[in-house]
ModelCIF file with pLDDT and N, C-alpha, C, O atoms, coordinates in Angstrom:
data_MODEL
#
_entry.id   MODEL 
#
_entity.id                         1 
_entity.type                       polymer 
_entity.pdbx_number_of_molecules   1 
#
_entity_poly.entity_id                      1 
_entity_poly.type                           'polypeptide(L)' 
_entity_poly.nstd_linkage                   no 
_entity_poly.nstd_monomer                   no 
_entity_poly.pdbx_seq_one_letter_code       AASYSLIEAKMIDTILSDKAEERRVMFEEAAGISKYKQQRKETLRQLE 
_entity_poly.pdbx_seq_one_letter_code_can   AASYSLIEAKMIDTILSDKAEERRVMFEEAAGISKYKQQRKETLRQLE 
_entity_poly.pdbx_strand_id                 A 
#
loop_
_entity_poly_seq.entity_id 
_entity_poly_seq.num 
_entity_poly_seq.mon_id 
_entity_poly_seq.hetero 
1 1  ALA n 
1 2  ALA n 
1 3  SER n 
1 4  TYR n 
1 5  SER n 
1 6  LEU n 
1 7  ILE n 
1 8  GLU n 
1 9  ALA n 
1 10 LYS n 
1 11 MET n 
1 12 ILE n 
1 13 ASP n 
1 14 THR n 
1 15 ILE n 
1 16 LEU n 
1 17 SER n 
1 18 ASP n 
1 19 LYS n 
1 20 ALA n 
1 21 GLU n 
1 22 GLU n 
1 23 ARG n 
1 24 ARG n 
1 25 VAL n 
1 26 MET n 
1 27 PHE n 
1 28 GLU n 
1 29 GLU n 
1 30 ALA n 
1 31 ALA n 
1 32 GLY n 
1 33 ILE n 
1 34 SER n 
1 35 LYS n 
1 36 TYR n 
1 37 LYS n 
1 38 GLN n 
1 39 GLN n 
1 40 ARG n 
1 41 LYS n 
1 42 GLU n 
1 43 THR n 
1 44 LEU n 
1 45 ARG n 
1 46 GLN n 
1 47 LEU n 
1 48 GLU n 
#
_struct_asym.id          A 
_struct_asym.entity_id   1 
#
loop_
_ma_qa_metric.id 
_ma_qa_metric.mode 
_ma_qa_metric.name 
_ma_qa_metric.software_group_id 
_ma_qa_metric.type 
1 global pLDDT . pLDDT 
2 local  pLDDT . pLDDT 
#
_ma_qa_metric_global.metric_id      1 
_ma_qa_metric_global.metric_value   65.17 
_ma_qa_metric_global.model_id       1 
_ma_qa_metric_global.ordinal_id     1 
#
loop_
_ma_qa_metric_local.label_asym_id 
_ma_qa_metric_local.label_comp_id 
_ma_qa_metric_local.label_seq_id 
_ma_qa_metric_local.metric_id 
_ma_qa_metric_local.metric_value 
_ma_qa_metric_local.model_id 
_ma_qa_metric_local.ordinal_id 
A ALA 1  2 52.00 1 1  
A ALA 2  2 54.00 1 2  
A SER 3  2 54.00 1 3  
A TYR 4  2 47.00 1 4  
A SER 5  2 55.00 1 5  
A LEU 6  2 59.00 1 6  
A ILE 7  2 58.00 1 7  
A GLU 8  2 59.00 1 8  
A ALA 9  2 56.00 1 9  
A LYS 10 2 59.00 1 10 
A MET 11 2 58.00 1 11 
A ILE 12 2 57.00 1 12 
A ASP 13 2 62.00 1 13 
A THR 14 2 59.00 1 14 
A ILE 15 2 56.00 1 15 
A LEU 16 2 60.00 1 16 
A SER 17 2 61.00 1 17 
A ASP 18 2 58.00 1 18 
A LYS 19 2 64.00 1 19 
A ALA 20 2 63.00 1 20 
A GLU 21 2 64.00 1 21 
A GLU 22 2 59.00 1 22 
A ARG 23 2 61.00 1 23 
A ARG 24 2 67.00 1 24 
A VAL 25 2 61.00 1 25 
A MET 26 2 60.00 1 26 
A PHE 27 2 60.00 1 27 
A GLU 28 2 61.00 1 28 
A GLU 29 2 57.00 1 29 
A ALA 30 2 56.00 1 30 
A ALA 31 2 58.00 1 31 
A GLY 32 2 58.00 1 32 
A ILE 33 2 65.00 1 33 
A SER 34 2 62.00 1 34 
A LYS 35 2 63.00 1 35 
A TYR 36 2 68.00 1 36 
A LYS 37 2 72.00 1 37 
A GLN 38 2 70.00 1 38 
A GLN 39 2 74.00 1 39 
A ARG 40 2 81.00 1 40 
A LYS 41 2 83.00 1 41 
A GLU 42 2 82.00 1 42 
A THR 43 2 87.00 1 43 
A LEU 44 2 89.00 1 44 
A ARG 45 2 88.00 1 45 
A GLN 46 2 89.00 1 46 
A LEU 47 2 91.00 1 47 
A GLU 48 2 91.00 1 48 
#
loop_
_atom_site.group_PDB 
_atom_site.id 
_atom_site.type_symbol 
_atom_site.label_atom_id 
_atom_site.label_alt_id 
_atom_site.label_comp_id 
_atom_site.label_asym_id 
_atom_site.label_entity_id 
_atom_site.label_seq_id 
_atom_site.pdbx_PDB_ins_code 
_atom_site.Cartn_x 
_atom_site.Cartn_y 
_atom_site.Cartn_z 
_atom_site.occupancy 
_atom_site.B_iso_or_equiv 
_atom_site.pdbx_formal_charge 
_atom_site.auth_seq_id 
_atom_site.auth_comp_id 
_atom_site.auth_asym_id 
_atom_site.auth_atom_id 
_atom_site.pdbx_PDB_model_num 
ATOM 1   N N  . ALA A 1 1  ? 180.290 -54.455 -7.294  1.00 52.00 ? 1  ALA A N  1 
ATOM 2   C CA . ALA A 1 1  ? 179.773 -53.672 -8.427  1.00 52.00 ? 1  ALA A CA 1 
ATOM 3   C C  . ALA A 1 1  ? 178.380 -53.559 -8.473  1.00 52.00 ? 1  ALA A C  1 
ATOM 4   O O  . ALA A 1 1  ? 177.899 -52.478 -8.814  1.00 52.00 ? 1  ALA A O  1 
ATOM 5   N N  . ALA A 1 2  ? 177.585 -54.590 -8.158  1.00 54.00 ? 2  ALA A N  1 
ATOM 6   C CA . ALA A 1 2  ? 176.222 -54.656 -8.354  1.00 54.00 ? 2  ALA A CA 1 
ATOM 7   C C  . ALA A 1 2  ? 175.489 -54.796 -6.857  1.00 54.00 ? 2  ALA A C  1 
ATOM 8   O O  . ALA A 1 2  ? 174.361 -55.279 -6.762  1.00 54.00 ? 2  ALA A O  1 
ATOM 9   N N  . SER A 1 3  ? 176.092 -54.420 -5.931  1.00 54.00 ? 3  SER A N  1 
ATOM 10  C CA . SER A 1 3  ? 175.499 -54.619 -4.525  1.00 54.00 ? 3  SER A CA 1 
ATOM 11  C C  . SER A 1 3  ? 174.602 -53.477 -4.321  1.00 54.00 ? 3  SER A C  1 
ATOM 12  O O  . SER A 1 3  ? 174.423 -52.571 -5.135  1.00 54.00 ? 3  SER A O  1 
ATOM 13  N N  . TYR A 1 4  ? 173.950 -53.612 -2.954  1.00 47.00 ? 4  TYR A N  1 
ATOM 14  C CA . TYR A 1 4  ? 173.006 -52.595 -2.466  1.00 47.00 ? 4  TYR A CA 1 
ATOM 15  C C  . TYR A 1 4  ? 173.803 -51.403 -1.873  1.00 47.00 ? 4  TYR A C  1 
ATOM 16  O O  . TYR A 1 4  ? 173.184 -50.412 -1.486  1.00 47.00 ? 4  TYR A O  1 
ATOM 17  N N  . SER A 1 5  ? 175.120 -51.462 -1.789  1.00 55.00 ? 5  SER A N  1 
ATOM 18  C CA . SER A 1 5  ? 175.843 -50.336 -1.149  1.00 55.00 ? 5  SER A CA 1 
ATOM 19  C C  . SER A 1 5  ? 176.061 -49.117 -2.206  1.00 55.00 ? 5  SER A C  1 
ATOM 20  O O  . SER A 1 5  ? 176.356 -47.973 -1.858  1.00 55.00 ? 5  SER A O  1 
ATOM 21  N N  . LEU A 1 6  ? 175.892 -49.490 -3.393  1.00 59.00 ? 6  LEU A N  1 
ATOM 22  C CA . LEU A 1 6  ? 175.971 -48.469 -4.410  1.00 59.00 ? 6  LEU A CA 1 
ATOM 23  C C  . LEU A 1 6  ? 174.660 -48.353 -5.260  1.00 59.00 ? 6  LEU A C  1 
ATOM 24  O O  . LEU A 1 6  ? 174.450 -49.059 -6.246  1.00 59.00 ? 6  LEU A O  1 
ATOM 25  N N  . ILE A 1 7  ? 173.770 -47.370 -4.775  1.00 58.00 ? 7  ILE A N  1 
ATOM 26  C CA . ILE A 1 7  ? 172.388 -47.327 -5.381  1.00 58.00 ? 7  ILE A CA 1 
ATOM 27  C C  . ILE A 1 7  ? 172.385 -46.191 -6.191  1.00 58.00 ? 7  ILE A C  1 
ATOM 28  O O  . ILE A 1 7  ? 172.889 -45.147 -5.776  1.00 58.00 ? 7  ILE A O  1 
ATOM 29  N N  . GLU A 1 8  ? 171.859 -46.271 -7.341  1.00 59.00 ? 8  GLU A N  1 
ATOM 30  C CA . GLU A 1 8  ? 171.541 -45.290 -8.315  1.00 59.00 ? 8  GLU A CA 1 
ATOM 31  C C  . GLU A 1 8  ? 170.081 -45.005 -8.413  1.00 59.00 ? 8  GLU A C  1 
ATOM 32  O O  . GLU A 1 8  ? 169.300 -45.824 -7.929  1.00 59.00 ? 8  GLU A O  1 
ATOM 33  N N  . ALA A 1 9  ? 169.651 -43.965 -8.969  1.00 56.00 ? 9  ALA A N  1 
ATOM 34  C CA . ALA A 1 9  ? 168.318 -43.633 -9.206  1.00 56.00 ? 9  ALA A CA 1 
ATOM 35  C C  . ALA A 1 9  ? 167.498 -44.805 -9.893  1.00 56.00 ? 9  ALA A C  1 
ATOM 36  O O  . ALA A 1 9  ? 166.376 -45.145 -9.517  1.00 56.00 ? 9  ALA A O  1 
ATOM 37  N N  . LYS A 1 10 ? 168.169 -45.361 -10.907 1.00 59.00 ? 10 LYS A N  1 
ATOM 38  C CA . LYS A 1 10 ? 167.480 -46.322 -11.698 1.00 59.00 ? 10 LYS A CA 1 
ATOM 39  C C  . LYS A 1 10 ? 167.360 -47.711 -10.857 1.00 59.00 ? 10 LYS A C  1 
ATOM 40  O O  . LYS A 1 10 ? 166.460 -48.522 -11.072 1.00 59.00 ? 10 LYS A O  1 
ATOM 41  N N  . MET A 1 11 ? 168.400 -47.894 -9.850  1.00 58.00 ? 11 MET A N  1 
ATOM 42  C CA . MET A 1 11 ? 168.334 -48.970 -9.023  1.00 58.00 ? 11 MET A CA 1 
ATOM 43  C C  . MET A 1 11 ? 167.090 -48.743 -7.995  1.00 58.00 ? 11 MET A C  1 
ATOM 44  O O  . MET A 1 11 ? 166.450 -49.727 -7.623  1.00 58.00 ? 11 MET A O  1 
ATOM 45  N N  . ILE A 1 12 ? 166.792 -47.582 -7.590  1.00 57.00 ? 12 ILE A N  1 
ATOM 46  C CA . ILE A 1 12 ? 165.628 -47.423 -6.723  1.00 57.00 ? 12 ILE A CA 1 
ATOM 47  C C  . ILE A 1 12 ? 164.390 -47.717 -7.439  1.00 57.00 ? 12 ILE A C  1 
ATOM 48  O O  . ILE A 1 12 ? 163.442 -48.260 -6.870  1.00 57.00 ? 12 ILE A O  1 
ATOM 49  N N  . ASP A 1 13 ? 164.368 -47.374 -8.681  1.00 62.00 ? 13 ASP A N  1 
ATOM 50  C CA . ASP A 1 13 ? 163.180 -47.722 -9.560  1.00 62.00 ? 13 ASP A CA 1 
ATOM 51  C C  . ASP A 1 13 ? 163.088 -49.354 -9.640  1.00 62.00 ? 13 ASP A C  1 
ATOM 52  O O  . ASP A 1 13 ? 161.999 -49.929 -9.630  1.00 62.00 ? 13 ASP A O  1 
ATOM 53  N N  . THR A 1 14 ? 164.229 -49.983 -9.713  1.00 59.00 ? 14 THR A N  1 
ATOM 54  C CA . THR A 1 14 ? 164.245 -51.333 -9.836  1.00 59.00 ? 14 THR A CA 1 
ATOM 55  C C  . THR A 1 14 ? 163.533 -52.128 -8.457  1.00 59.00 ? 14 THR A C  1 
ATOM 56  O O  . THR A 1 14 ? 162.721 -53.053 -8.483  1.00 59.00 ? 14 THR A O  1 
ATOM 57  N N  . ILE A 1 15 ? 164.053 -51.522 -7.403  1.00 56.00 ? 15 ILE A N  1 
ATOM 58  C CA . ILE A 1 15 ? 163.520 -51.974 -6.072  1.00 56.00 ? 15 ILE A CA 1 
ATOM 59  C C  . ILE A 1 15 ? 161.961 -51.818 -6.117  1.00 56.00 ? 15 ILE A C  1 
ATOM 60  O O  . ILE A 1 15 ? 161.239 -52.741 -5.740  1.00 56.00 ? 15 ILE A O  1 
ATOM 61  N N  . LEU A 1 16 ? 161.444 -50.609 -6.593  1.00 60.00 ? 16 LEU A N  1 
ATOM 62  C CA . LEU A 1 16 ? 160.054 -50.441 -6.492  1.00 60.00 ? 16 LEU A CA 1 
ATOM 63  C C  . LEU A 1 16 ? 159.279 -50.965 -7.611  1.00 60.00 ? 16 LEU A C  1 
ATOM 64  O O  . LEU A 1 16 ? 158.063 -50.779 -7.645  1.00 60.00 ? 16 LEU A O  1 
ATOM 65  N N  . SER A 1 17 ? 159.919 -51.638 -8.575  1.00 61.00 ? 17 SER A N  1 
ATOM 66  C CA . SER A 1 17 ? 159.213 -52.109 -9.798  1.00 61.00 ? 17 SER A CA 1 
ATOM 67  C C  . SER A 1 17 ? 158.449 -53.403 -9.500  1.00 61.00 ? 17 SER A C  1 
ATOM 68  O O  . SER A 1 17 ? 158.562 -53.950 -8.403  1.00 61.00 ? 17 SER A O  1 
ATOM 69  N N  . ASP A 1 18 ? 157.669 -53.896 -10.477 1.00 58.00 ? 18 ASP A N  1 
ATOM 70  C CA . ASP A 1 18 ? 156.856 -55.121 -10.120 1.00 58.00 ? 18 ASP A CA 1 
ATOM 71  C C  . ASP A 1 18 ? 157.643 -56.383 -10.640 1.00 58.00 ? 18 ASP A C  1 
ATOM 72  O O  . ASP A 1 18 ? 157.136 -57.499 -10.748 1.00 58.00 ? 18 ASP A O  1 
ATOM 73  N N  . LYS A 1 19 ? 158.775 -56.108 -10.909 1.00 64.00 ? 19 LYS A N  1 
ATOM 74  C CA . LYS A 1 19 ? 159.607 -57.323 -11.393 1.00 64.00 ? 19 LYS A CA 1 
ATOM 75  C C  . LYS A 1 19 ? 160.350 -57.902 -10.203 1.00 64.00 ? 19 LYS A C  1 
ATOM 76  O O  . LYS A 1 19 ? 161.264 -57.320 -9.618  1.00 64.00 ? 19 LYS A O  1 
ATOM 77  N N  . ALA A 1 20 ? 159.898 -59.039 -9.917  1.00 63.00 ? 20 ALA A N  1 
ATOM 78  C CA . ALA A 1 20 ? 160.440 -59.886 -8.622  1.00 63.00 ? 20 ALA A CA 1 
ATOM 79  C C  . ALA A 1 20 ? 161.796 -60.162 -8.897  1.00 63.00 ? 20 ALA A C  1 
ATOM 80  O O  . ALA A 1 20 ? 162.596 -59.967 -7.982  1.00 63.00 ? 20 ALA A O  1 
ATOM 81  N N  . GLU A 1 21 ? 162.267 -60.639 -10.140 1.00 64.00 ? 21 GLU A N  1 
ATOM 82  C CA . GLU A 1 21 ? 163.580 -60.973 -10.298 1.00 64.00 ? 21 GLU A CA 1 
ATOM 83  C C  . GLU A 1 21 ? 164.661 -59.871 -10.147 1.00 64.00 ? 21 GLU A C  1 
ATOM 84  O O  . GLU A 1 21 ? 165.838 -60.097 -9.863  1.00 64.00 ? 21 GLU A O  1 
ATOM 85  N N  . GLU A 1 22 ? 164.116 -58.654 -10.374 1.00 59.00 ? 22 GLU A N  1 
ATOM 86  C CA . GLU A 1 22 ? 165.076 -57.548 -10.257 1.00 59.00 ? 22 GLU A CA 1 
ATOM 87  C C  . GLU A 1 22 ? 165.350 -57.190 -8.834  1.00 59.00 ? 22 GLU A C  1 
ATOM 88  O O  . GLU A 1 22 ? 166.417 -56.732 -8.428  1.00 59.00 ? 22 GLU A O  1 
ATOM 89  N N  . ARG A 1 23 ? 164.258 -57.448 -8.090  1.00 61.00 ? 23 ARG A N  1 
ATOM 90  C CA . ARG A 1 23 ? 164.383 -57.112 -6.565  1.00 61.00 ? 23 ARG A CA 1 
ATOM 91  C C  . ARG A 1 23 ? 165.228 -58.215 -5.881  1.00 61.00 ? 23 ARG A C  1 
ATOM 92  O O  . ARG A 1 23 ? 166.020 -57.987 -4.966  1.00 61.00 ? 23 ARG A O  1 
ATOM 93  N N  . ARG A 1 24 ? 164.997 -59.347 -6.379  1.00 67.00 ? 24 ARG A N  1 
ATOM 94  C CA . ARG A 1 24 ? 165.541 -60.460 -5.657  1.00 67.00 ? 24 ARG A CA 1 
ATOM 95  C C  . ARG A 1 24 ? 167.018 -60.463 -5.616  1.00 67.00 ? 24 ARG A C  1 
ATOM 96  O O  . ARG A 1 24 ? 167.558 -60.989 -4.643  1.00 67.00 ? 24 ARG A O  1 
ATOM 97  N N  . VAL A 1 25 ? 167.829 -59.874 -6.669  1.00 61.00 ? 25 VAL A N  1 
ATOM 98  C CA . VAL A 1 25 ? 169.244 -59.724 -6.624  1.00 61.00 ? 25 VAL A CA 1 
ATOM 99  C C  . VAL A 1 25 ? 169.688 -58.944 -5.389  1.00 61.00 ? 25 VAL A C  1 
ATOM 100 O O  . VAL A 1 25 ? 170.625 -59.335 -4.693  1.00 61.00 ? 25 VAL A O  1 
ATOM 101 N N  . MET A 1 26 ? 168.970 -57.791 -5.124  1.00 60.00 ? 26 MET A N  1 
ATOM 102 C CA . MET A 1 26 ? 169.514 -56.953 -3.984  1.00 60.00 ? 26 MET A CA 1 
ATOM 103 C C  . MET A 1 26 ? 169.074 -57.740 -2.675  1.00 60.00 ? 26 MET A C  1 
ATOM 104 O O  . MET A 1 26 ? 169.860 -57.775 -1.729  1.00 60.00 ? 26 MET A O  1 
ATOM 105 N N  . PHE A 1 27 ? 167.875 -58.353 -2.597  1.00 60.00 ? 27 PHE A N  1 
ATOM 106 C CA . PHE A 1 27 ? 167.534 -59.118 -1.312  1.00 60.00 ? 27 PHE A CA 1 
ATOM 107 C C  . PHE A 1 27 ? 168.489 -60.206 -1.149  1.00 60.00 ? 27 PHE A C  1 
ATOM 108 O O  . PHE A 1 27 ? 168.916 -60.402 -0.011  1.00 60.00 ? 27 PHE A O  1 
ATOM 109 N N  . GLU A 1 28 ? 168.881 -60.926 -2.081  1.00 61.00 ? 28 GLU A N  1 
ATOM 110 C CA . GLU A 1 28 ? 169.842 -61.982 -2.023  1.00 61.00 ? 28 GLU A CA 1 
ATOM 111 C C  . GLU A 1 28 ? 171.153 -61.594 -1.445  1.00 61.00 ? 28 GLU A C  1 
ATOM 112 O O  . GLU A 1 28 ? 171.777 -62.281 -0.636  1.00 61.00 ? 28 GLU A O  1 
ATOM 113 N N  . GLU A 1 29 ? 171.556 -60.350 -1.955  1.00 57.00 ? 29 GLU A N  1 
ATOM 114 C CA . GLU A 1 29 ? 172.849 -59.767 -1.490  1.00 57.00 ? 29 GLU A CA 1 
ATOM 115 C C  . GLU A 1 29 ? 172.807 -59.319 -0.099  1.00 57.00 ? 29 GLU A C  1 
ATOM 116 O O  . GLU A 1 29 ? 173.734 -59.505 0.690   1.00 57.00 ? 29 GLU A O  1 
ATOM 117 N N  . ALA A 1 30 ? 171.674 -58.706 0.193   1.00 56.00 ? 30 ALA A N  1 
ATOM 118 C CA . ALA A 1 30 ? 171.523 -58.347 1.690   1.00 56.00 ? 30 ALA A CA 1 
ATOM 119 C C  . ALA A 1 30 ? 171.258 -59.452 2.650   1.00 56.00 ? 30 ALA A C  1 
ATOM 120 O O  . ALA A 1 30 ? 171.514 -59.306 3.846   1.00 56.00 ? 30 ALA A O  1 
ATOM 121 N N  . ALA A 1 31 ? 170.752 -60.553 2.172   1.00 58.00 ? 31 ALA A N  1 
ATOM 122 C CA . ALA A 1 31 ? 170.591 -61.841 3.077   1.00 58.00 ? 31 ALA A CA 1 
ATOM 123 C C  . ALA A 1 31 ? 171.866 -62.620 3.055   1.00 58.00 ? 31 ALA A C  1 
ATOM 124 O O  . ALA A 1 31 ? 171.920 -63.618 3.774   1.00 58.00 ? 31 ALA A O  1 
ATOM 125 N N  . GLY A 1 32 ? 172.908 -62.296 2.319   1.00 58.00 ? 32 GLY A N  1 
ATOM 126 C CA . GLY A 1 32 ? 174.166 -63.017 2.246   1.00 58.00 ? 32 GLY A CA 1 
ATOM 127 C C  . GLY A 1 32 ? 174.165 -64.364 1.666   1.00 58.00 ? 32 GLY A C  1 
ATOM 128 O O  . GLY A 1 32 ? 174.963 -65.221 2.045   1.00 58.00 ? 32 GLY A O  1 
ATOM 129 N N  . ILE A 1 33 ? 173.255 -64.577 0.723   1.00 65.00 ? 33 ILE A N  1 
ATOM 130 C CA . ILE A 1 33 ? 173.257 -65.903 -0.022  1.00 65.00 ? 33 ILE A CA 1 
ATOM 131 C C  . ILE A 1 33 ? 173.758 -65.685 -1.652  1.00 65.00 ? 33 ILE A C  1 
ATOM 132 O O  . ILE A 1 33 ? 173.815 -66.605 -2.468  1.00 65.00 ? 33 ILE A O  1 
ATOM 133 N N  . SER A 1 34 ? 174.052 -64.482 -1.888  1.00 62.00 ? 34 SER A N  1 
ATOM 134 C CA . SER A 1 34 ? 174.608 -64.406 -3.299  1.00 62.00 ? 34 SER A CA 1 
ATOM 135 C C  . SER A 1 34 ? 175.841 -65.097 -3.440  1.00 62.00 ? 34 SER A C  1 
ATOM 136 O O  . SER A 1 34 ? 176.089 -65.578 -4.545  1.00 62.00 ? 34 SER A O  1 
ATOM 137 N N  . LYS A 1 35 ? 176.735 -65.242 -2.424  1.00 63.00 ? 35 LYS A N  1 
ATOM 138 C CA . LYS A 1 35 ? 178.012 -65.902 -2.532  1.00 63.00 ? 35 LYS A CA 1 
ATOM 139 C C  . LYS A 1 35 ? 177.722 -67.493 -2.867  1.00 63.00 ? 35 LYS A C  1 
ATOM 140 O O  . LYS A 1 35 ? 178.268 -68.104 -3.786  1.00 63.00 ? 35 LYS A O  1 
ATOM 141 N N  . TYR A 1 36 ? 176.908 -67.961 -2.092  1.00 68.00 ? 36 TYR A N  1 
ATOM 142 C CA . TYR A 1 36 ? 176.430 -69.472 -2.369  1.00 68.00 ? 36 TYR A CA 1 
ATOM 143 C C  . TYR A 1 36 ? 175.805 -69.577 -3.601  1.00 68.00 ? 36 TYR A C  1 
ATOM 144 O O  . TYR A 1 36 ? 176.056 -70.608 -4.226  1.00 68.00 ? 36 TYR A O  1 
ATOM 145 N N  . LYS A 1 37 ? 174.992 -68.706 -4.154  1.00 72.00 ? 37 LYS A N  1 
ATOM 146 C CA . LYS A 1 37 ? 174.365 -68.861 -5.435  1.00 72.00 ? 37 LYS A CA 1 
ATOM 147 C C  . LYS A 1 37 ? 175.554 -68.821 -6.443  1.00 72.00 ? 37 LYS A C  1 
ATOM 148 O O  . LYS A 1 37 ? 175.561 -69.632 -7.369  1.00 72.00 ? 37 LYS A O  1 
ATOM 149 N N  . GLN A 1 38 ? 176.537 -67.931 -6.305  1.00 70.00 ? 38 GLN A N  1 
ATOM 150 C CA . GLN A 1 38 ? 177.607 -67.676 -7.191  1.00 70.00 ? 38 GLN A CA 1 
ATOM 151 C C  . GLN A 1 38 ? 178.400 -69.089 -7.210  1.00 70.00 ? 38 GLN A C  1 
ATOM 152 O O  . GLN A 1 38 ? 178.625 -69.685 -8.264  1.00 70.00 ? 38 GLN A O  1 
ATOM 153 N N  . GLN A 1 39 ? 178.756 -69.511 -6.082  1.00 74.00 ? 39 GLN A N  1 
ATOM 154 C CA . GLN A 1 39 ? 179.371 -70.802 -5.896  1.00 74.00 ? 39 GLN A CA 1 
ATOM 155 C C  . GLN A 1 39 ? 178.609 -71.990 -6.682  1.00 74.00 ? 39 GLN A C  1 
ATOM 156 O O  . GLN A 1 39 ? 179.165 -72.827 -7.392  1.00 74.00 ? 39 GLN A O  1 
ATOM 157 N N  . ARG A 1 40 ? 177.349 -71.904 -6.437  1.00 81.00 ? 40 ARG A N  1 
ATOM 158 C CA . ARG A 1 40 ? 176.518 -72.928 -6.967  1.00 81.00 ? 40 ARG A CA 1 
ATOM 159 C C  . ARG A 1 40 ? 176.675 -72.931 -8.603  1.00 81.00 ? 40 ARG A C  1 
ATOM 160 O O  . ARG A 1 40 ? 176.875 -73.955 -9.256  1.00 81.00 ? 40 ARG A O  1 
ATOM 161 N N  . LYS A 1 41 ? 176.556 -71.653 -9.137  1.00 83.00 ? 41 LYS A N  1 
ATOM 162 C CA . LYS A 1 41 ? 176.715 -71.516 -10.600 1.00 83.00 ? 41 LYS A CA 1 
ATOM 163 C C  . LYS A 1 41 ? 178.206 -71.984 -11.098 1.00 83.00 ? 41 LYS A C  1 
ATOM 164 O O  . LYS A 1 41 ? 178.444 -72.665 -12.096 1.00 83.00 ? 41 LYS A O  1 
ATOM 165 N N  . GLU A 1 42 ? 179.030 -71.520 -10.281 1.00 82.00 ? 42 GLU A N  1 
ATOM 166 C CA . GLU A 1 42 ? 180.512 -71.987 -10.788 1.00 82.00 ? 42 GLU A CA 1 
ATOM 167 C C  . GLU A 1 42 ? 180.629 -73.471 -10.651 1.00 82.00 ? 42 GLU A C  1 
ATOM 168 O O  . GLU A 1 42 ? 181.233 -74.118 -11.507 1.00 82.00 ? 42 GLU A O  1 
ATOM 169 N N  . THR A 1 43 ? 180.053 -74.060 -9.567  1.00 87.00 ? 43 THR A N  1 
ATOM 170 C CA . THR A 1 43 ? 180.068 -75.596 -9.450  1.00 87.00 ? 43 THR A CA 1 
ATOM 171 C C  . THR A 1 43 ? 179.383 -76.203 -10.559 1.00 87.00 ? 43 THR A C  1 
ATOM 172 O O  . THR A 1 43 ? 179.876 -77.201 -11.085 1.00 87.00 ? 43 THR A O  1 
ATOM 173 N N  . LEU A 1 44 ? 178.211 -75.672 -11.009 1.00 89.00 ? 44 LEU A N  1 
ATOM 174 C CA . LEU A 1 44 ? 177.404 -76.269 -12.089 1.00 89.00 ? 44 LEU A CA 1 
ATOM 175 C C  . LEU A 1 44 ? 178.261 -76.063 -13.385 1.00 89.00 ? 44 LEU A C  1 
ATOM 176 O O  . LEU A 1 44 ? 178.388 -76.959 -14.220 1.00 89.00 ? 44 LEU A O  1 
ATOM 177 N N  . ARG A 1 45 ? 178.857 -74.789 -13.506 1.00 88.00 ? 45 ARG A N  1 
ATOM 178 C CA . ARG A 1 45 ? 179.704 -74.662 -14.723 1.00 88.00 ? 45 ARG A CA 1 
ATOM 179 C C  . ARG A 1 45 ? 180.847 -75.555 -14.730 1.00 88.00 ? 45 ARG A C  1 
ATOM 180 O O  . ARG A 1 45 ? 181.225 -75.998 -15.814 1.00 88.00 ? 45 ARG A O  1 
ATOM 181 N N  . GLN A 1 46 ? 181.473 -75.889 -13.611 1.00 89.00 ? 46 GLN A N  1 
ATOM 182 C CA . GLN A 1 46 ? 182.492 -76.691 -13.615 1.00 89.00 ? 46 GLN A CA 1 
ATOM 183 C C  . GLN A 1 46 ? 182.087 -78.208 -13.896 1.00 89.00 ? 46 GLN A C  1 
ATOM 184 O O  . GLN A 1 46 ? 182.862 -78.982 -14.458 1.00 89.00 ? 46 GLN A O  1 
ATOM 185 N N  . LEU A 1 47 ? 180.885 -78.555 -13.486 1.00 91.00 ? 47 LEU A N  1 
ATOM 186 C CA . LEU A 1 47 ? 180.359 -79.839 -13.755 1.00 91.00 ? 47 LEU A CA 1 
ATOM 187 C C  . LEU A 1 47 ? 180.041 -79.976 -15.182 1.00 91.00 ? 47 LEU A C  1 
ATOM 188 O O  . LEU A 1 47 ? 180.304 -81.042 -15.740 1.00 91.00 ? 47 LEU A O  1 
ATOM 189 N N  . GLU A 1 48 ? 179.440 -78.899 -15.905 1.00 91.00 ? 48 GLU A N  1 
ATOM 190 C CA . GLU A 1 48 ? 179.195 -78.899 -17.140 1.00 91.00 ? 48 GLU A CA 1 
ATOM 191 C C  . GLU A 1 48 ? 180.597 -79.109 -18.009 1.00 91.00 ? 48 GLU A C  1 
ATOM 192 O O  . GLU A 1 48 ? 180.562 -79.137 -19.240 1.00 91.00 ? 48 GLU A O  1 
#
């Protein structure tokens, strides 16, 4: 739903913006680490 395969005009603006956090989401998805970050969040949530 929020991957780089579905890009809108505002998502292009996000990639070109100065906000590193907004660009990081797409780069992490492309690098294949978003799954592990999500697993880490779920694990931390389960630990909590």
